[in-house]
Protein backbone atom coordinates (compact mmCIF):
# COMPACT_ATOMS: atom_id res chain seq x y z
CA MET A 1 42.01 15.25 24.21
CA THR A 2 43.92 15.51 27.56
CA ALA A 3 40.65 14.25 29.21
CA LEU A 4 40.89 10.91 27.55
CA GLY A 5 43.61 9.36 29.88
CA PRO A 6 41.56 10.56 33.18
CA LEU A 7 38.38 9.23 31.51
CA ALA A 8 39.31 5.60 30.95
CA LEU A 9 41.69 5.47 34.44
CA ASN A 10 38.39 6.53 36.25
CA ILE A 11 35.13 5.00 34.46
CA PHE A 12 36.58 1.40 35.35
CA MET A 13 36.22 2.16 39.18
CA PRO A 14 32.67 0.98 39.69
CA SER A 15 32.88 -1.99 37.82
CA MET A 16 35.56 -3.32 39.60
CA PRO A 17 34.12 -5.73 41.99
CA GLY A 18 31.28 -7.06 39.62
CA LEU A 19 34.24 -7.77 37.01
CA ALA A 20 36.04 -10.50 39.75
CA LYS A 21 32.67 -12.19 39.49
CA ASP A 22 32.33 -12.19 35.76
CA PHE A 23 35.69 -13.66 35.03
CA ASP A 24 35.69 -15.88 38.58
CA VAL A 25 39.19 -14.41 39.53
CA GLU A 26 40.06 -12.61 43.13
CA TYR A 27 39.63 -8.97 43.32
CA GLY A 28 43.56 -8.34 43.97
CA PHE A 29 43.86 -9.88 40.36
CA VAL A 30 41.42 -7.67 38.93
CA GLN A 31 43.06 -4.43 40.99
CA LEU A 32 46.23 -5.42 38.46
CA THR A 33 44.08 -3.36 35.66
CA LEU A 34 44.68 -0.43 37.27
CA THR A 35 48.16 -1.04 38.22
CA PHE A 36 49.17 -1.98 34.74
CA TYR A 37 47.14 1.32 33.71
CA LEU A 38 48.83 3.59 35.68
CA ILE A 39 52.70 2.00 34.92
CA GLY A 40 51.59 2.45 30.99
CA LEU A 41 50.67 6.36 31.62
CA GLY A 42 53.92 7.05 33.47
CA ALA A 43 56.24 5.15 30.97
CA ALA A 44 54.54 6.31 28.00
CA GLN A 45 55.20 10.38 29.20
CA LEU A 46 58.81 9.71 29.03
CA VAL A 47 58.69 8.95 25.17
CA TYR A 48 55.95 10.85 23.53
CA GLY A 49 57.30 14.06 24.70
CA PRO A 50 60.67 13.92 22.99
CA ILE A 51 59.06 11.90 19.84
CA SER A 52 56.83 14.81 19.31
CA ASP A 53 60.22 17.11 19.72
CA ARG A 54 61.60 15.43 16.68
CA TRP A 55 58.71 14.35 14.23
CA GLY A 56 55.89 17.25 15.31
CA ARG A 57 52.81 16.92 17.42
CA ARG A 58 50.15 16.12 14.90
CA PRO A 59 51.10 12.57 13.96
CA VAL A 60 52.15 11.24 17.13
CA LEU A 61 48.92 12.89 18.65
CA LEU A 62 46.95 10.69 15.59
CA TRP A 63 49.20 7.44 16.54
CA GLY A 64 48.24 7.91 20.30
CA LEU A 65 44.77 8.55 19.69
CA GLY A 66 44.36 5.41 17.18
CA ILE A 67 46.15 2.97 19.91
CA TYR A 68 43.91 4.64 22.45
CA CYS A 69 41.06 3.65 20.51
CA ILE A 70 42.48 0.05 19.77
CA GLY A 71 42.99 -0.69 23.49
CA SER A 72 39.42 0.72 24.54
CA ILE A 73 37.80 -1.76 21.64
CA ALA A 74 39.90 -4.73 22.91
CA CYS A 75 38.90 -4.47 26.74
CA ALA A 76 35.41 -3.95 25.32
CA LEU A 77 35.44 -7.21 23.55
CA ALA A 78 37.89 -9.12 26.31
CA PRO A 79 37.27 -12.54 26.33
CA SER A 80 39.82 -12.87 29.67
CA ILE A 81 40.46 -10.94 32.24
CA VAL A 82 44.40 -11.04 30.59
CA TRP A 83 43.44 -9.55 27.61
CA LEU A 84 41.53 -7.02 29.71
CA MET A 85 44.68 -6.22 31.17
CA LEU A 86 46.50 -5.76 27.60
CA GLY A 87 43.68 -3.68 26.53
CA ARG A 88 44.43 -1.70 29.59
CA VAL A 89 47.80 -1.26 28.86
CA LEU A 90 47.31 -0.31 24.96
CA GLN A 91 44.53 2.30 26.84
CA ALA A 92 47.12 3.61 28.96
CA LEU A 93 49.69 3.90 26.13
CA GLY A 94 47.48 5.46 23.67
CA GLY A 95 45.32 8.10 26.16
CA CYS A 96 48.90 9.61 27.56
CA ALA A 97 49.35 11.19 24.08
CA GLY A 98 46.37 13.73 24.38
CA LEU A 99 47.99 14.45 28.56
CA VAL A 100 51.78 15.11 27.16
CA LEU A 101 51.17 17.08 23.81
CA GLY A 102 48.02 18.88 24.78
CA ARG A 103 50.74 20.56 27.10
CA ALA A 104 53.26 20.71 24.64
CA ILE A 105 51.02 22.44 21.88
CA ILE A 106 50.02 24.71 24.08
CA ARG A 107 53.33 25.96 24.65
CA ASP A 108 54.02 25.78 20.64
CA LEU A 109 51.52 28.46 20.47
CA TYR A 110 51.77 30.95 23.44
CA ASP A 111 54.28 32.45 25.46
CA ARG A 112 55.65 31.52 28.99
CA ASP A 113 53.07 33.40 30.85
CA ARG A 114 49.90 32.62 28.66
CA SER A 115 51.00 29.28 28.49
CA ALA A 116 50.05 28.82 31.94
CA ALA A 117 46.81 30.24 31.76
CA MET A 118 46.27 28.26 28.79
CA ILE A 119 46.72 24.77 30.59
CA GLY A 120 44.66 26.23 33.67
CA TYR A 121 41.64 26.27 31.18
CA VAL A 122 42.58 23.18 30.10
CA THR A 123 43.05 21.61 33.21
CA MET A 124 40.08 22.95 34.74
CA ALA A 125 37.58 21.13 32.26
CA MET A 126 39.94 18.20 32.48
CA SER A 127 39.41 17.46 35.86
CA LEU A 128 36.00 17.23 35.07
CA ALA A 129 36.33 13.61 33.83
CA PRO A 130 37.99 12.74 37.50
CA MET A 131 34.62 13.82 39.10
CA LEU A 132 32.02 12.49 36.84
CA SER A 133 33.45 9.41 35.09
CA PRO A 134 33.20 7.22 38.22
CA ALA A 135 29.15 8.35 38.27
CA LEU A 136 28.99 7.71 34.67
CA GLY A 137 30.81 4.53 34.50
CA GLY A 138 28.46 2.94 37.30
CA TYR A 139 25.69 3.97 35.40
CA LEU A 140 26.36 2.37 32.25
CA ASP A 141 27.80 -0.76 34.28
CA THR A 142 23.88 -1.23 36.18
CA LEU A 143 22.33 -0.98 32.66
CA PHE A 144 24.45 -2.44 30.51
CA GLY A 145 27.27 -4.39 32.03
CA TRP A 146 30.96 -2.95 32.68
CA ARG A 147 31.69 -3.24 28.80
CA ALA A 148 29.63 -0.58 28.21
CA SER A 149 32.20 2.29 29.61
CA PHE A 150 34.85 0.81 27.55
CA ALA A 151 32.65 1.30 24.18
CA PHE A 152 31.79 4.56 25.68
CA CYS A 153 35.75 5.36 25.89
CA SER A 154 35.69 3.96 22.38
CA LEU A 155 33.52 6.45 20.69
CA ALA A 156 34.66 9.41 22.72
CA GLY A 157 38.34 8.21 21.59
CA LEU A 158 37.19 8.08 18.02
CA ALA A 159 35.28 11.32 17.98
CA VAL A 160 38.44 13.51 19.16
CA TYR A 161 40.66 11.35 16.71
CA VAL A 162 38.22 12.51 13.77
CA TRP A 163 38.50 16.31 15.16
CA VAL A 164 42.45 15.83 15.50
CA ILE A 165 42.23 15.00 11.61
CA PHE A 166 39.99 17.59 10.58
CA THR A 167 40.87 20.85 13.00
CA LEU A 168 44.26 20.43 14.75
CA PRO A 169 47.22 21.38 12.61
CA GLU A 170 50.79 20.62 13.34
CA THR A 171 51.73 23.44 15.90
CA LEU A 172 55.44 22.97 16.58
CA ALA A 173 57.91 25.27 14.20
CA GLN A 174 61.16 23.70 14.70
CA ARG A 175 61.87 20.33 15.04
CA GLY A 176 64.67 19.79 17.86
CA LEU A 177 65.93 16.65 19.40
CA GLY A 178 66.28 13.21 18.01
CA VAL A 179 64.36 10.12 18.53
CA GLY A 180 66.79 7.18 19.15
CA ALA A 181 67.37 6.13 22.72
CA ALA A 182 70.49 8.10 22.84
CA ALA A 183 68.94 11.04 21.96
CA LEU A 184 66.17 10.89 24.71
CA LEU A 185 68.77 10.39 27.33
CA ARG A 186 70.68 13.34 25.91
CA GLY A 187 67.43 15.58 26.05
CA TYR A 188 66.25 14.15 29.43
CA GLY A 189 70.33 15.04 30.50
CA ALA A 190 70.17 18.46 28.93
CA LEU A 191 66.98 19.24 31.04
CA LEU A 192 68.07 17.69 34.55
CA ARG A 193 71.00 19.56 34.01
CA SER A 194 69.05 22.96 34.18
CA PRO A 195 68.85 23.74 38.08
CA ALA A 196 65.39 26.29 36.94
CA PHE A 197 63.74 23.06 35.37
CA CYS A 198 64.90 20.56 38.00
CA GLY A 199 62.81 23.13 40.51
CA TYR A 200 60.07 23.45 38.83
CA VAL A 201 59.47 19.58 38.26
CA LEU A 202 60.29 18.96 41.54
CA GLN A 203 58.04 21.84 42.84
CA THR A 204 54.72 19.88 40.80
CA ALA A 205 55.95 16.50 41.83
CA PHE A 206 55.96 17.47 45.09
CA THR A 207 52.82 19.26 45.12
CA SER A 208 51.20 16.56 43.24
CA GLY A 209 52.47 14.46 46.15
CA VAL A 210 50.34 16.26 48.67
CA PHE A 211 47.37 15.42 46.69
CA PHE A 212 48.17 11.89 46.17
CA ALA A 213 48.83 11.17 50.13
CA PHE A 214 45.39 12.82 50.74
CA ILE A 215 43.84 10.49 48.20
CA ALA A 216 45.50 7.42 49.58
CA GLY A 217 44.81 8.68 53.55
CA ALA A 218 41.46 9.93 53.35
CA PRO A 219 39.15 7.00 52.58
CA PHE A 220 40.94 4.80 55.21
CA VAL A 221 40.12 8.29 57.55
CA VAL A 222 36.66 8.85 56.57
CA VAL A 223 35.89 4.92 56.54
CA THR A 224 37.89 3.30 59.27
CA VAL A 225 39.01 5.79 61.60
CA MET A 226 35.84 7.93 61.81
CA GLY A 227 33.45 4.96 60.77
CA LEU A 228 31.53 6.50 57.96
CA PRO A 229 30.33 4.84 54.82
CA ALA A 230 32.12 5.13 51.76
CA SER A 231 29.81 7.45 50.19
CA ALA A 232 30.55 10.12 52.73
CA TYR A 233 33.96 10.51 51.24
CA GLY A 234 32.69 10.25 47.85
CA LEU A 235 29.66 13.37 48.16
CA TRP A 236 32.66 15.43 50.42
CA PHE A 237 35.14 14.88 47.84
CA ILE A 238 33.15 17.07 45.09
CA VAL A 239 34.09 19.80 47.56
CA VAL A 240 38.06 19.05 47.03
CA SER A 241 37.03 19.28 43.31
CA ILE A 242 35.44 22.35 43.25
CA GLY A 243 38.56 23.87 44.76
CA TYR A 244 40.86 22.23 42.24
CA LEU A 245 38.51 24.39 39.70
CA ALA A 246 38.53 27.62 41.48
CA GLY A 247 42.42 27.33 41.68
CA ASN A 248 42.56 26.66 37.63
CA PHE A 249 39.99 29.32 36.82
CA LEU A 250 42.16 31.71 39.17
CA THR A 251 45.20 30.70 36.68
CA GLY A 252 43.29 31.32 33.55
CA ARG A 253 42.51 34.47 34.87
CA PHE A 254 45.55 36.10 36.39
CA ALA A 255 48.68 33.84 35.27
CA VAL A 256 49.25 36.36 32.50
CA ARG A 257 48.77 39.45 34.86
CA LEU A 258 50.84 38.44 37.90
CA GLY A 259 53.37 35.94 36.02
CA VAL A 260 54.23 32.12 36.37
CA ASP A 261 56.54 32.77 39.68
CA ARG A 262 53.90 34.86 41.46
CA MET A 263 51.21 32.52 41.08
CA ILE A 264 52.93 29.83 42.35
CA ALA A 265 54.42 31.70 45.30
CA TYR A 266 50.52 32.40 45.90
CA GLY A 267 49.58 28.78 45.69
CA ALA A 268 52.70 27.41 47.47
CA VAL A 269 51.69 29.68 50.71
CA ALA A 270 47.72 28.41 50.24
CA GLN A 271 49.16 24.97 50.30
CA LEU A 272 50.95 25.47 53.84
CA VAL A 273 48.04 27.28 54.79
CA GLY A 274 45.57 24.61 54.32
CA ILE A 275 47.87 21.64 55.24
CA SER A 276 48.25 23.33 58.57
CA ALA A 277 44.37 23.89 59.11
CA LEU A 278 43.76 20.56 58.19
CA ALA A 279 46.30 19.45 61.24
CA LEU A 280 45.42 21.98 63.67
CA ALA A 281 41.64 20.43 63.06
CA SER A 282 42.76 17.15 64.13
CA TRP A 283 44.90 18.38 67.11
CA LEU A 284 42.41 20.34 68.57
CA GLY A 285 39.06 18.45 68.47
CA PRO A 286 37.34 15.08 67.41
CA LEU A 287 37.30 14.48 63.82
CA ASN A 288 34.64 15.42 61.52
CA LEU A 289 33.79 16.13 57.68
CA PRO A 290 34.39 19.94 57.43
CA GLY A 291 37.49 19.61 59.14
CA ILE A 292 39.12 17.04 56.77
CA PHE A 293 37.44 18.69 53.54
CA LEU A 294 36.86 22.19 53.98
CA PRO A 295 40.93 22.30 54.45
CA MET A 296 41.43 20.21 51.54
CA ALA A 297 39.99 22.27 49.61
CA VAL A 298 42.21 25.18 49.79
CA VAL A 299 44.79 22.82 49.35
CA ALA A 300 43.20 21.79 46.32
CA MET A 301 42.56 25.11 45.43
CA SER A 302 46.65 25.92 45.67
CA ASN A 303 47.02 22.85 43.48
CA GLY A 304 44.92 24.73 40.81
CA LEU A 305 47.46 27.71 41.32
CA THR A 306 50.61 26.01 41.58
CA LEU A 307 50.55 22.76 38.87
CA PRO A 308 49.64 24.77 35.47
CA ASN A 309 52.11 27.35 36.49
CA GLY A 310 54.81 25.36 37.40
CA ILE A 311 54.55 22.78 34.55
CA ALA A 312 54.49 26.35 32.29
CA GLY A 313 57.85 26.91 34.16
CA ALA A 314 58.82 23.61 33.27
CA ILE A 315 58.64 23.74 29.55
CA SER A 316 59.75 27.00 29.23
CA VAL A 317 63.03 26.64 30.25
CA ASN A 318 63.79 25.24 26.81
CA PRO A 319 61.19 25.61 24.60
CA ARG A 320 62.57 23.39 21.83
CA ALA A 321 62.47 20.75 24.40
CA ALA A 322 59.03 21.45 25.48
CA GLY A 323 57.56 18.02 24.64
CA ALA A 324 60.45 16.02 26.61
CA ALA A 325 60.10 18.99 29.24
CA ALA A 326 56.06 18.23 29.80
CA GLY A 327 56.75 14.23 29.60
CA LEU A 328 59.02 14.31 31.82
CA SER A 329 56.94 16.53 34.28
CA GLY A 330 54.18 14.25 34.24
CA ALA A 331 56.15 11.08 34.53
CA LEU A 332 57.97 12.48 37.71
CA GLN A 333 54.37 13.78 38.97
CA MET A 334 52.93 10.34 39.22
CA LEU A 335 56.22 8.77 40.64
CA THR A 336 55.98 11.01 43.40
CA GLY A 337 52.56 10.84 43.71
CA ALA A 338 53.04 6.58 44.28
CA ILE A 339 55.62 7.54 46.63
CA ALA A 340 53.65 9.47 48.87
CA ALA A 341 50.84 7.15 48.53
CA VAL A 342 52.68 4.25 49.60
CA LEU A 343 54.12 6.24 52.50
CA VAL A 344 50.69 7.06 53.68
CA GLY A 345 49.89 3.42 53.39
CA TYR A 346 52.85 2.12 55.32
CA GLY A 347 52.27 4.85 58.16
CA GLN A 348 48.77 3.89 58.65
CA ASP A 349 49.39 0.04 58.80
CA HIS A 350 51.40 1.21 62.32
CA ASP A 351 49.42 4.22 63.24
CA PRO A 352 45.67 3.99 62.33
CA SER A 353 44.82 7.29 62.13
CA GLN A 354 44.88 10.34 60.13
CA TYR A 355 48.44 11.76 61.03
CA PRO A 356 50.75 9.40 58.49
CA MET A 357 48.46 11.26 55.88
CA ILE A 358 48.88 14.81 57.48
CA TRP A 359 52.61 14.58 58.04
CA THR A 360 53.45 13.18 54.14
CA MET A 361 51.45 16.16 53.07
CA LEU A 362 53.06 18.49 55.47
CA GLY A 363 56.53 17.22 54.23
CA CYS A 364 55.67 17.27 50.59
CA GLY A 365 54.30 20.77 51.36
CA ILE A 366 57.71 22.14 52.40
CA LEU A 367 59.67 20.20 50.15
CA ALA A 368 57.70 21.82 47.15
CA VAL A 369 58.41 25.66 48.97
CA LEU A 370 61.77 24.90 48.73
CA SER A 371 61.91 23.16 45.29
CA PHE A 372 60.23 26.27 43.54
CA VAL A 373 62.62 28.87 46.08
CA GLY A 374 65.45 26.95 44.35
CA ALA A 375 63.86 27.66 40.43
CA ALA A 376 63.36 31.24 41.18
CA LYS A 377 66.92 31.71 41.92
CA PHE A 378 68.40 29.76 39.39
CA ARG A 379 65.94 31.44 37.23
CA ALA A 380 67.04 35.01 38.09
CA SER A 381 70.45 34.11 38.06
CA ARG A 382 70.34 33.23 34.37
CA PRO A 383 71.43 36.06 31.71
């Protein structure tokens, strides 16, 4: 369920160059299909959570999955690039339901520490989607054309929809926030007035900023600065994915035993160690792929420790508003990641090297530590 959004985001990437020729438009115009998807994915996270707190997880999830299927079918049948953009927006608005409500459902079923473990396992499985879907999309595009990728998304969405109907009960025991615009703002305002919530959310947001700074800068470093083919980046990125999988696995195994805050602390330290190793490898010798991707694998592993536990901490501040908390947390993660990516791009325009990426990663890593310290302090001071 949670993998549908990342699947639709990444499976389309290999088809974008060919799509420009198919619709006879500029490549930059085709890139808007990705931009609109990200905008829809971020905006919808702010809405799904509070609505599900009021009306329940199951009906809101079914509506979201239905919209996802309609959007995927619209993309597969799109006669023009404009229709494809509209279909992508629907895909994002629907696929976002699984991302937000998956976390909220887990918090409905498990306590604070156990929910961190479950989120770790779910994230570990979900991370396979962005790792494998580009290859799947390229294979489908080669054999059947770009529409086949959206047909696959339609079938996947329909399968999950049927599964939810027959197997997933309502998990929300008590309704919480209202659904009007004023009620949404009040709900978010109440969460944002909690120092502990803000600390956890900012910790996850800045941790995401570290990762997106690397995503934005590393292809430039590998292809432009080092002069290597793009395939080298794709091959070595598997190492990063393995690190992320390992971190989420460790969260699933040890979150209950060690607790949310201790897991975040370990992950924050590991993240700074990985970023520092990346910086040292760049300063002490010529750039090489192991010196870039092996330290980043450590950073990715730390993300697997900090993100599930940070999310669990945020949605546990007020369990009755778990949906709103999950939505706000996810939206801020995407916003911070986007800002980090813009900073890296701006920096590399003026300094075409690895250093804008490294400095942005280091800054986000330090801010993540400070945010967690604040969250732990205020949580400890609560009666």
